[in-house]
PDB file of N, CA and C in Angstrom:
ATOM      1  N   MET A   1      -1.194 -28.725 -43.717  1.00  0.00           N
ATOM      2  CA  MET A   1      -0.241 -29.241 -42.777  1.00  0.00           C
ATOM      3  C   MET A   1       1.175 -29.039 -43.304  1.00  0.00           C
ATOM      4  N   ALA A   2       1.335 -29.190 -44.583  1.00  0.00           N
ATOM      5  CA  ALA A   2       2.657 -29.014 -45.166  1.00  0.00           C
ATOM      6  C   ALA A   2       3.104 -27.565 -45.087  1.00  0.00           C
ATOM      7  N   SER A   3       2.138 -26.636 -45.169  1.00  0.00           N
ATOM      8  CA  SER A   3       2.508 -25.220 -45.099  1.00  0.00           C
ATOM      9  C   SER A   3       3.040 -24.874 -43.697  1.00  0.00           C
ATOM     10  N   PHE A   4       2.464 -25.495 -42.668  1.00  0.00           N
ATOM     11  CA  PHE A   4       2.970 -25.268 -41.321  1.00  0.00           C
ATOM     12  C   PHE A   4       4.389 -25.792 -41.170  1.00  0.00           C
ATOM     13  N   ALA A   5       4.670 -26.925 -41.770  1.00  0.00           N
ATOM     14  CA  ALA A   5       6.011 -27.500 -41.692  1.00  0.00           C
ATOM     15  C   ALA A   5       7.015 -26.619 -42.420  1.00  0.00           C
ATOM     16  N   ARG A   6       6.628 -26.108 -43.606  1.00  0.00           N
ATOM     17  CA  ARG A   6       7.533 -25.221 -44.350  1.00  0.00           C
ATOM     18  C   ARG A   6       7.788 -23.933 -43.575  1.00  0.00           C
ATOM     19  N   ARG A   7       6.730 -23.400 -43.005  1.00  0.00           N
ATOM     20  CA  ARG A   7       6.895 -22.155 -42.256  1.00  0.00           C
ATOM     21  C   ARG A   7       7.789 -22.371 -41.027  1.00  0.00           C
ATOM     22  N   ALA A   8       7.616 -23.479 -40.348  1.00  0.00           N
ATOM     23  CA  ALA A   8       8.450 -23.790 -39.196  1.00  0.00           C
ATOM     24  C   ALA A   8       9.910 -23.932 -39.604  1.00  0.00           C
ATOM     25  N   MET A   9      10.156 -24.550 -40.749  1.00  0.00           N
ATOM     26  CA  MET A   9      11.543 -24.689 -41.216  1.00  0.00           C
ATOM     27  C   MET A   9      12.137 -23.332 -41.580  1.00  0.00           C
ATOM     28  N   SER A  10      11.327 -22.466 -42.199  1.00  0.00           N
ATOM     29  CA  SER A  10      11.859 -21.154 -42.584  1.00  0.00           C
ATOM     30  C   SER A  10      12.130 -20.296 -41.347  1.00  0.00           C
ATOM     31  N   LEU A  11      11.281 -20.393 -40.345  1.00  0.00           N
ATOM     32  CA  LEU A  11      11.526 -19.633 -39.114  1.00  0.00           C
ATOM     33  C   LEU A  11      12.737 -20.154 -38.364  1.00  0.00           C
ATOM     34  N   ALA A  12      12.968 -21.443 -38.435  1.00  0.00           N
ATOM     35  CA  ALA A  12      14.105 -22.028 -37.735  1.00  0.00           C
ATOM     36  C   ALA A  12      15.419 -21.605 -38.372  1.00  0.00           C
ATOM     37  N   GLN A  13      15.405 -21.278 -39.668  1.00  0.00           N
ATOM     38  CA  GLN A  13      16.642 -20.917 -40.368  1.00  0.00           C
ATOM     39  C   GLN A  13      16.974 -19.435 -40.234  1.00  0.00           C
ATOM     40  N   ILE A  14      15.983 -18.570 -39.957  1.00  0.00           N
ATOM     41  CA  ILE A  14      16.230 -17.136 -39.853  1.00  0.00           C
ATOM     42  C   ILE A  14      16.501 -16.793 -38.391  1.00  0.00           C
ATOM     43  N   PRO A  15      17.721 -16.346 -38.072  1.00  0.00           N
ATOM     44  CA  PRO A  15      18.038 -16.070 -36.671  1.00  0.00           C
ATOM     45  C   PRO A  15      17.288 -14.847 -36.113  1.00  0.00           C
ATOM     46  N   SER A  16      16.931 -13.877 -36.959  1.00  0.00           N
ATOM     47  CA  SER A  16      16.260 -12.680 -36.453  1.00  0.00           C
ATOM     48  C   SER A  16      14.800 -12.955 -36.102  1.00  0.00           C
ATOM     49  N   ALA A  17      14.217 -14.030 -36.625  1.00  0.00           N
ATOM     50  CA  ALA A  17      12.823 -14.353 -36.342  1.00  0.00           C
ATOM     51  C   ALA A  17      12.662 -15.059 -35.001  1.00  0.00           C
ATOM     52  N   ARG A  18      13.742 -15.477 -34.423  1.00  0.00           N
ATOM     53  CA  ARG A  18      13.664 -16.144 -33.127  1.00  0.00           C
ATOM     54  C   ARG A  18      13.426 -15.121 -32.021  1.00  0.00           C
ATOM     55  N   VAL A  19      12.785 -15.548 -30.974  1.00  0.00           N
ATOM     56  CA  VAL A  19      12.541 -14.683 -29.833  1.00  0.00           C
ATOM     57  C   VAL A  19      13.819 -14.632 -29.006  1.00  0.00           C
ATOM     58  N   PRO A  20      14.276 -13.440 -28.703  1.00  0.00           N
ATOM     59  CA  PRO A  20      15.501 -13.361 -27.897  1.00  0.00           C
ATOM     60  C   PRO A  20      15.292 -13.961 -26.506  1.00  0.00           C
ATOM     61  N   ALA A  21      16.363 -14.421 -25.935  1.00  0.00           N
ATOM     62  CA  ALA A  21      16.294 -15.088 -24.634  1.00  0.00           C
ATOM     63  C   ALA A  21      15.865 -14.116 -23.533  1.00  0.00           C
ATOM     64  N   THR A  22      16.108 -12.832 -23.713  1.00  0.00           N
ATOM     65  CA  THR A  22      15.746 -11.870 -22.675  1.00  0.00           C
ATOM     66  C   THR A  22      14.250 -11.598 -22.644  1.00  0.00           C
ATOM     67  N   VAL A  23      13.545 -11.864 -23.726  1.00  0.00           N
ATOM     68  CA  VAL A  23      12.112 -11.615 -23.778  1.00  0.00           C
ATOM     69  C   VAL A  23      11.333 -12.796 -23.200  1.00  0.00           C
ATOM     70  N   CYS A  24      11.898 -13.981 -23.273  1.00  0.00           N
ATOM     71  CA  CYS A  24      11.207 -15.171 -22.778  1.00  0.00           C
ATOM     72  C   CYS A  24      11.049 -15.083 -21.264  1.00  0.00           C
ATOM     73  N   GLN A  25       9.877 -15.456 -20.806  1.00  0.00           N
ATOM     74  CA  GLN A  25       9.637 -15.435 -19.372  1.00  0.00           C
ATOM     75  C   GLN A  25      10.308 -16.638 -18.724  1.00  0.00           C
ATOM     76  N   ARG A  26      11.017 -16.376 -17.661  1.00  0.00           N
ATOM     77  CA  ARG A  26      11.680 -17.447 -16.933  1.00  0.00           C
ATOM     78  C   ARG A  26      11.074 -17.517 -15.552  1.00  0.00           C
ATOM     79  N   ARG A  27      11.003 -18.702 -15.027  1.00  0.00           N
ATOM     80  CA  ARG A  27      10.435 -18.890 -13.703  1.00  0.00           C
ATOM     81  C   ARG A  27      11.514 -19.381 -12.745  1.00  0.00           C
ATOM     82  N   GLY A  28      12.620 -18.702 -12.760  1.00  0.00           N
ATOM     83  CA  GLY A  28      13.739 -19.140 -11.951  1.00  0.00           C
ATOM     84  C   GLY A  28      13.502 -19.058 -10.452  1.00  0.00           C
ATOM     85  N   LEU A  29      12.718 -18.073  -9.993  1.00  0.00           N
ATOM     86  CA  LEU A  29      12.510 -17.896  -8.561  1.00  0.00           C
ATOM     87  C   LEU A  29      11.204 -18.511  -8.074  1.00  0.00           C
ATOM     88  N   ALA A  30      10.433 -19.089  -8.958  1.00  0.00           N
ATOM     89  CA  ALA A  30       9.121 -19.611  -8.576  1.00  0.00           C
ATOM     90  C   ALA A  30       9.185 -21.099  -8.261  1.00  0.00           C
ATOM     91  N   GLY A  31      10.117 -21.481  -7.488  1.00  0.00           N
ATOM     92  CA  GLY A  31      10.229 -22.888  -7.128  1.00  0.00           C
ATOM     93  C   GLY A  31       9.655 -23.151  -5.756  1.00  0.00           C
ATOM     94  N   ALA A  32      10.119 -24.178  -5.141  1.00  0.00           N
ATOM     95  CA  ALA A  32       9.652 -24.540  -3.811  1.00  0.00           C
ATOM     96  C   ALA A  32      10.542 -23.926  -2.733  1.00  0.00           C
ATOM     97  N   ALA A  33      11.126 -22.789  -3.051  1.00  0.00           N
ATOM     98  CA  ALA A  33      12.009 -22.138  -2.091  1.00  0.00           C
ATOM     99  C   ALA A  33      11.198 -21.573  -0.935  1.00  0.00           C
ATOM    100  N   ASP A  34      11.802 -21.537   0.226  1.00  0.00           N
ATOM    101  CA  ASP A  34      11.144 -21.014   1.410  1.00  0.00           C
ATOM    102  C   ASP A  34      11.287 -19.497   1.417  1.00  0.00           C
ATOM    103  N   HIS A  35      10.171 -18.798   1.315  1.00  0.00           N
ATOM    104  CA  HIS A  35      10.194 -17.334   1.292  1.00  0.00           C
ATOM    105  C   HIS A  35       9.613 -16.785   2.584  1.00  0.00           C
ATOM    106  N   GLY A  36      10.184 -17.122   3.679  1.00  0.00           N
ATOM    107  CA  GLY A  36       9.716 -16.634   4.970  1.00  0.00           C
ATOM    108  C   GLY A  36       8.873 -17.670   5.685  1.00  0.00           C
ATOM    109  N   SER A  37       8.293 -17.232   6.785  1.00  0.00           N
ATOM    110  CA  SER A  37       7.500 -18.157   7.585  1.00  0.00           C
ATOM    111  C   SER A  37       6.149 -18.411   6.917  1.00  0.00           C
ATOM    112  N   THR A  38       5.586 -19.557   7.223  1.00  0.00           N
ATOM    113  CA  THR A  38       4.285 -19.880   6.663  1.00  0.00           C
ATOM    114  C   THR A  38       3.214 -19.101   7.410  1.00  0.00           C
ATOM    115  N   LYS A  39       2.157 -18.738   6.716  1.00  0.00           N
ATOM    116  CA  LYS A  39       1.069 -17.986   7.304  1.00  0.00           C
ATOM    117  C   LYS A  39       0.032 -18.961   7.849  1.00  0.00           C
ATOM    118  N   VAL A  40      -0.470 -18.667   9.035  1.00  0.00           N
ATOM    119  CA  VAL A  40      -1.419 -19.553   9.699  1.00  0.00           C
ATOM    120  C   VAL A  40      -2.690 -18.777  10.020  1.00  0.00           C
ATOM    121  N   ASP A  41      -3.742 -19.499  10.380  1.00  0.00           N
ATOM    122  CA  ASP A  41      -4.978 -18.874  10.812  1.00  0.00           C
ATOM    123  C   ASP A  41      -4.762 -18.218  12.165  1.00  0.00           C
ATOM    124  N   PHE A  42      -5.501 -17.151  12.440  1.00  0.00           N
ATOM    125  CA  PHE A  42      -5.245 -16.398  13.672  1.00  0.00           C
ATOM    126  C   PHE A  42      -5.605 -17.188  14.916  1.00  0.00           C
ATOM    127  N   TRP A  43      -6.513 -18.150  14.823  1.00  0.00           N
ATOM    128  CA  TRP A  43      -6.873 -18.921  16.008  1.00  0.00           C
ATOM    129  C   TRP A  43      -5.836 -19.991  16.341  1.00  0.00           C
ATOM    130  N   LYS A  44      -4.906 -20.262  15.429  1.00  0.00           N
ATOM    131  CA  LYS A  44      -3.854 -21.231  15.728  1.00  0.00           C
ATOM    132  C   LYS A  44      -2.696 -20.590  16.489  1.00  0.00           C
ATOM    133  N   GLN A  45      -2.418 -19.314  16.212  1.00  0.00           N
ATOM    134  CA  GLN A  45      -1.377 -18.579  16.924  1.00  0.00           C
ATOM    135  C   GLN A  45      -1.902 -17.183  17.262  1.00  0.00           C
ATOM    136  N   PRO A  46      -2.782 -17.061  18.232  1.00  0.00           N
ATOM    137  CA  PRO A  46      -3.403 -15.758  18.500  1.00  0.00           C
ATOM    138  C   PRO A  46      -2.442 -14.707  19.055  1.00  0.00           C
ATOM    139  N   THR A  47      -1.314 -15.111  19.592  1.00  0.00           N
ATOM    140  CA  THR A  47      -0.393 -14.135  20.179  1.00  0.00           C
ATOM    141  C   THR A  47       0.706 -13.701  19.216  1.00  0.00           C
ATOM    142  N   ASN A  48       0.681 -14.184  17.985  1.00  0.00           N
ATOM    143  CA  ASN A  48       1.728 -13.847  17.030  1.00  0.00           C
ATOM    144  C   ASN A  48       1.118 -13.314  15.734  1.00  0.00           C
ATOM    145  N   PRO A  49       0.748 -12.020  15.678  1.00  0.00           N
ATOM    146  CA  PRO A  49       0.097 -11.474  14.484  1.00  0.00           C
ATOM    147  C   PRO A  49       0.989 -11.460  13.245  1.00  0.00           C
ATOM    148  N   GLY A  50       2.295 -11.575  13.422  1.00  0.00           N
ATOM    149  CA  GLY A  50       3.194 -11.592  12.274  1.00  0.00           C
ATOM    150  C   GLY A  50       3.043 -12.838  11.419  1.00  0.00           C
ATOM    151  N   ASN A  51       2.529 -13.902  11.989  1.00  0.00           N
ATOM    152  CA  ASN A  51       2.355 -15.151  11.242  1.00  0.00           C
ATOM    153  C   ASN A  51       0.930 -15.354  10.754  1.00  0.00           C
ATOM    154  N   TRP A  52       0.037 -14.403  11.017  1.00  0.00           N
ATOM    155  CA  TRP A  52      -1.346 -14.545  10.576  1.00  0.00           C
ATOM    156  C   TRP A  52      -1.455 -14.355   9.082  1.00  0.00           C
ATOM    157  N   LYS A  53      -2.485 -14.948   8.505  1.00  0.00           N
ATOM    158  CA  LYS A  53      -2.784 -14.689   7.100  1.00  0.00           C
ATOM    159  C   LYS A  53      -3.218 -13.235   6.961  1.00  0.00           C
ATOM    160  N   GLU A  54      -2.955 -12.666   5.795  1.00  0.00           N
ATOM    161  CA  GLU A  54      -3.205 -11.242   5.619  1.00  0.00           C
ATOM    162  C   GLU A  54      -4.676 -10.888   5.787  1.00  0.00           C
ATOM    163  N   GLU A  55      -5.567 -11.717   5.237  1.00  0.00           N
ATOM    164  CA  GLU A  55      -6.985 -11.390   5.328  1.00  0.00           C
ATOM    165  C   GLU A  55      -7.498 -11.510   6.763  1.00  0.00           C
ATOM    166  N   HIS A  56      -6.922 -12.403   7.551  1.00  0.00           N
ATOM    167  CA  HIS A  56      -7.311 -12.515   8.952  1.00  0.00           C
ATOM    168  C   HIS A  56      -6.820 -11.296   9.730  1.00  0.00           C
ATOM    169  N   PHE A  57      -5.616 -10.856   9.423  1.00  0.00           N
ATOM    170  CA  PHE A  57      -5.065  -9.676  10.086  1.00  0.00           C
ATOM    171  C   PHE A  57      -5.917  -8.446   9.790  1.00  0.00           C
ATOM    172  N   VAL A  58      -6.355  -8.309   8.545  1.00  0.00           N
ATOM    173  CA  VAL A  58      -7.175  -7.159   8.163  1.00  0.00           C
ATOM    174  C   VAL A  58      -8.512  -7.195   8.894  1.00  0.00           C
ATOM    175  N   LEU A  59      -9.170  -8.350   8.921  1.00  0.00           N
ATOM    176  CA  LEU A  59     -10.470  -8.446   9.582  1.00  0.00           C
ATOM    177  C   LEU A  59     -10.381  -8.135  11.078  1.00  0.00           C
ATOM    178  N   ILE A  60      -9.385  -8.669  11.733  1.00  0.00           N
ATOM    179  CA  ILE A  60      -9.243  -8.432  13.171  1.00  0.00           C
ATOM    180  C   ILE A  60      -8.849  -6.990  13.448  1.00  0.00           C
ATOM    181  N   SER A  61      -8.004  -6.419  12.614  1.00  0.00           N
ATOM    182  CA  SER A  61      -7.612  -5.020  12.798  1.00  0.00           C
ATOM    183  C   SER A  61      -8.813  -4.089  12.626  1.00  0.00           C
ATOM    184  N   LEU A  62      -9.622  -4.341  11.588  1.00  0.00           N
ATOM    185  CA  LEU A  62     -10.789  -3.490  11.360  1.00  0.00           C
ATOM    186  C   LEU A  62     -11.819  -3.637  12.468  1.00  0.00           C
ATOM    187  N   SER A  63     -12.022  -4.843  12.947  1.00  0.00           N
ATOM    188  CA  SER A  63     -12.983  -5.021  14.042  1.00  0.00           C
ATOM    189  C   SER A  63     -12.459  -4.376  15.323  1.00  0.00           C
ATOM    190  N   GLY A  64     -11.157  -4.425  15.551  1.00  0.00           N
ATOM    191  CA  GLY A  64     -10.575  -3.760  16.720  1.00  0.00           C
ATOM    192  C   GLY A  64     -10.739  -2.250  16.656  1.00  0.00           C
ATOM    193  N   TRP A  65     -10.475  -1.661  15.483  1.00  0.00           N
ATOM    194  CA  TRP A  65     -10.662  -0.220  15.320  1.00  0.00           C
ATOM    195  C   TRP A  65     -12.133   0.159  15.478  1.00  0.00           C
ATOM    196  N   GLY A  66     -13.027  -0.672  14.941  1.00  0.00           N
ATOM    197  CA  GLY A  66     -14.458  -0.404  15.088  1.00  0.00           C
ATOM    198  C   GLY A  66     -14.877  -0.423  16.547  1.00  0.00           C
ATOM    199  N   LEU A  67     -14.387  -1.395  17.290  1.00  0.00           N
ATOM    200  CA  LEU A  67     -14.689  -1.484  18.719  1.00  0.00           C
ATOM    201  C   LEU A  67     -14.144  -0.268  19.471  1.00  0.00           C
ATOM    202  N   LEU A  68     -12.949   0.171  19.104  1.00  0.00           N
ATOM    203  CA  LEU A  68     -12.351   1.339  19.751  1.00  0.00           C
ATOM    204  C   LEU A  68     -13.184   2.597  19.497  1.00  0.00           C
ATOM    205  N   PHE A  69     -13.580   2.824  18.255  1.00  0.00           N
ATOM    206  CA  PHE A  69     -14.373   4.007  17.931  1.00  0.00           C
ATOM    207  C   PHE A  69     -15.761   3.949  18.578  1.00  0.00           C
ATOM    208  N   TYR A  70     -16.385   2.792  18.556  1.00  0.00           N
ATOM    209  CA  TYR A  70     -17.719   2.666  19.142  1.00  0.00           C
ATOM    210  C   TYR A  70     -17.675   2.879  20.651  1.00  0.00           C
ATOM    211  N   SER A  71     -16.686   2.300  21.319  1.00  0.00           N
ATOM    212  CA  SER A  71     -16.590   2.484  22.770  1.00  0.00           C
ATOM    213  C   SER A  71     -16.226   3.933  23.111  1.00  0.00           C
ATOM    214  N   GLY A  72     -15.403   4.578  22.289  1.00  0.00           N
ATOM    215  CA  GLY A  72     -15.102   5.995  22.506  1.00  0.00           C
ATOM    216  C   GLY A  72     -16.325   6.866  22.319  1.00  0.00           C
ATOM    217  N   TYR A  73     -17.141   6.538  21.334  1.00  0.00           N
ATOM    218  CA  TYR A  73     -18.383   7.272  21.103  1.00  0.00           C
ATOM    219  C   TYR A  73     -19.314   7.118  22.299  1.00  0.00           C
ATOM    220  N   LYS A  74     -19.463   5.884  22.784  1.00  0.00           N
ATOM    221  CA  LYS A  74     -20.339   5.644  23.925  1.00  0.00           C
ATOM    222  C   LYS A  74     -19.796   6.318  25.189  1.00  0.00           C
ATOM    223  N   LEU A  75     -18.483   6.370  25.342  1.00  0.00           N
ATOM    224  CA  LEU A  75     -17.875   6.992  26.508  1.00  0.00           C
ATOM    225  C   LEU A  75     -18.112   8.501  26.518  1.00  0.00           C
ATOM    226  N   PHE A  76     -17.902   9.151  25.362  1.00  0.00           N
ATOM    227  CA  PHE A  76     -18.008  10.603  25.312  1.00  0.00           C
ATOM    228  C   PHE A  76     -19.440  11.099  25.201  1.00  0.00           C
ATOM    229  N   THR A  77     -20.352  10.279  24.748  1.00  0.00           N
ATOM    230  CA  THR A  77     -21.753  10.717  24.679  1.00  0.00           C
ATOM    231  C   THR A  77     -22.533  10.290  25.907  1.00  0.00           C
ATOM    232  N   GLY A  78     -21.910   9.692  26.843  1.00  0.00           N
ATOM    233  CA  GLY A  78     -22.581   9.291  28.076  1.00  0.00           C
ATOM    234  C   GLY A  78     -23.123   7.888  28.019  1.00  0.00           C
ATOM    235  N   GLY A  79     -23.195   7.318  26.846  1.00  0.00           N
ATOM    236  CA  GLY A  79     -23.660   5.948  26.714  1.00  0.00           C
ATOM    237  C   GLY A  79     -25.133   5.766  27.008  1.00  0.00           C
ATOM    238  N   LYS A  80     -25.873   6.866  27.062  1.00  0.00           N
ATOM    239  CA  LYS A  80     -27.283   6.769  27.389  1.00  0.00           C
ATOM    240  C   LYS A  80     -28.114   7.186  26.179  1.00  0.00           C
ATOM    241  N   GLY A  81     -29.280   6.611  26.093  1.00  0.00           N
ATOM    242  CA  GLY A  81     -30.239   7.032  25.089  1.00  0.00           C
ATOM    243  C   GLY A  81     -31.087   8.155  25.658  1.00  0.00           C
ATOM    244  N   GLU A  82     -32.159   8.468  24.992  1.00  0.00           N
ATOM    245  CA  GLU A  82     -33.061   9.497  25.502  1.00  0.00           C
ATOM    246  C   GLU A  82     -33.812   8.953  26.717  1.00  0.00           C
ATOM    247  N   GLU A  83     -33.863   9.774  27.742  1.00  0.00           N
ATOM    248  CA  GLU A  83     -34.580   9.355  28.942  1.00  0.00           C
ATOM    249  C   GLU A  83     -36.047   9.740  28.793  1.00  0.00           C
ATOM    250  N   LYS A  84     -36.919   8.788  28.973  1.00  0.00           N
ATOM    251  CA  LYS A  84     -38.352   9.076  28.907  1.00  0.00           C
ATOM    252  C   LYS A  84     -38.899   9.121  30.325  1.00  0.00           C
ATOM    253  N   LYS A  85     -39.717  10.126  30.573  1.00  0.00           N
ATOM    254  CA  LYS A  85     -40.306  10.258  31.905  1.00  0.00           C
ATOM    255  C   LYS A  85     -41.526   9.361  31.975  1.00  0.00           C
ATOM    256  N   PRO A  86     -41.707   8.691  33.101  1.00  0.00           N
ATOM    257  CA  PRO A  86     -42.877   7.824  33.217  1.00  0.00           C
ATOM    258  C   PRO A  86     -44.165   8.655  33.294  1.00  0.00           C
ATOM    259  N   VAL A  87     -45.204   8.129  32.712  1.00  0.00           N
ATOM    260  CA  VAL A  87     -46.489   8.813  32.692  1.00  0.00           C
ATOM    261  C   VAL A  87     -47.288   8.366  33.913  1.00  0.00           C
ATOM    262  N   ASP A  88     -47.815   9.323  34.637  1.00  0.00           N
ATOM    263  CA  ASP A  88     -48.625   9.002  35.818  1.00  0.00           C
ATOM    264  C   ASP A  88     -50.026   8.585  35.373  1.00  0.00           C
ATOM    265  N   ALA A  89     -50.479   7.471  35.845  1.00  0.00           N
ATOM    266  CA  ALA A  89     -51.809   7.003  35.505  1.00  0.00           C
ATOM    267  C   ALA A  89     -52.853   7.554  36.468  1.00  0.00           C
ATOM    268  N   ALA A  90     -52.442   8.149  37.599  1.00  0.00           N
ATOM    269  CA  ALA A  90     -53.357   8.647  38.612  1.00  0.00           C
ATOM    270  C   ALA A  90     -54.005   9.966  38.206  1.00  0.00           C
ATOM    271  N   GLN A  91     -53.449  10.656  37.291  1.00  0.00           N
ATOM    272  CA  GLN A  91     -54.004  11.960  36.927  1.00  0.00           C
ATOM    273  C   GLN A  91     -55.216  11.870  36.121  1.00  0.00           C
TER     274      GLN A  91
END
């Protein structure tokens, strides 16, 4: 314990052993300052995508693009599956 005290005193006396003020991390901007509008869930403000949370915006955007591609695929391919002809039982 005494060695720690001696070392602390020796470091306190040597100015070059101190950490410069520019290297120390400062949290000057990390306060309770207002950095824009608050983000809300998309179901609270469905007509204002600018205020949505980022993950909600991504999910809705991806589902919208998926719906667009799927409906375009169904539109251009006719939207029909393979047609099977009915089998006559009278033959």
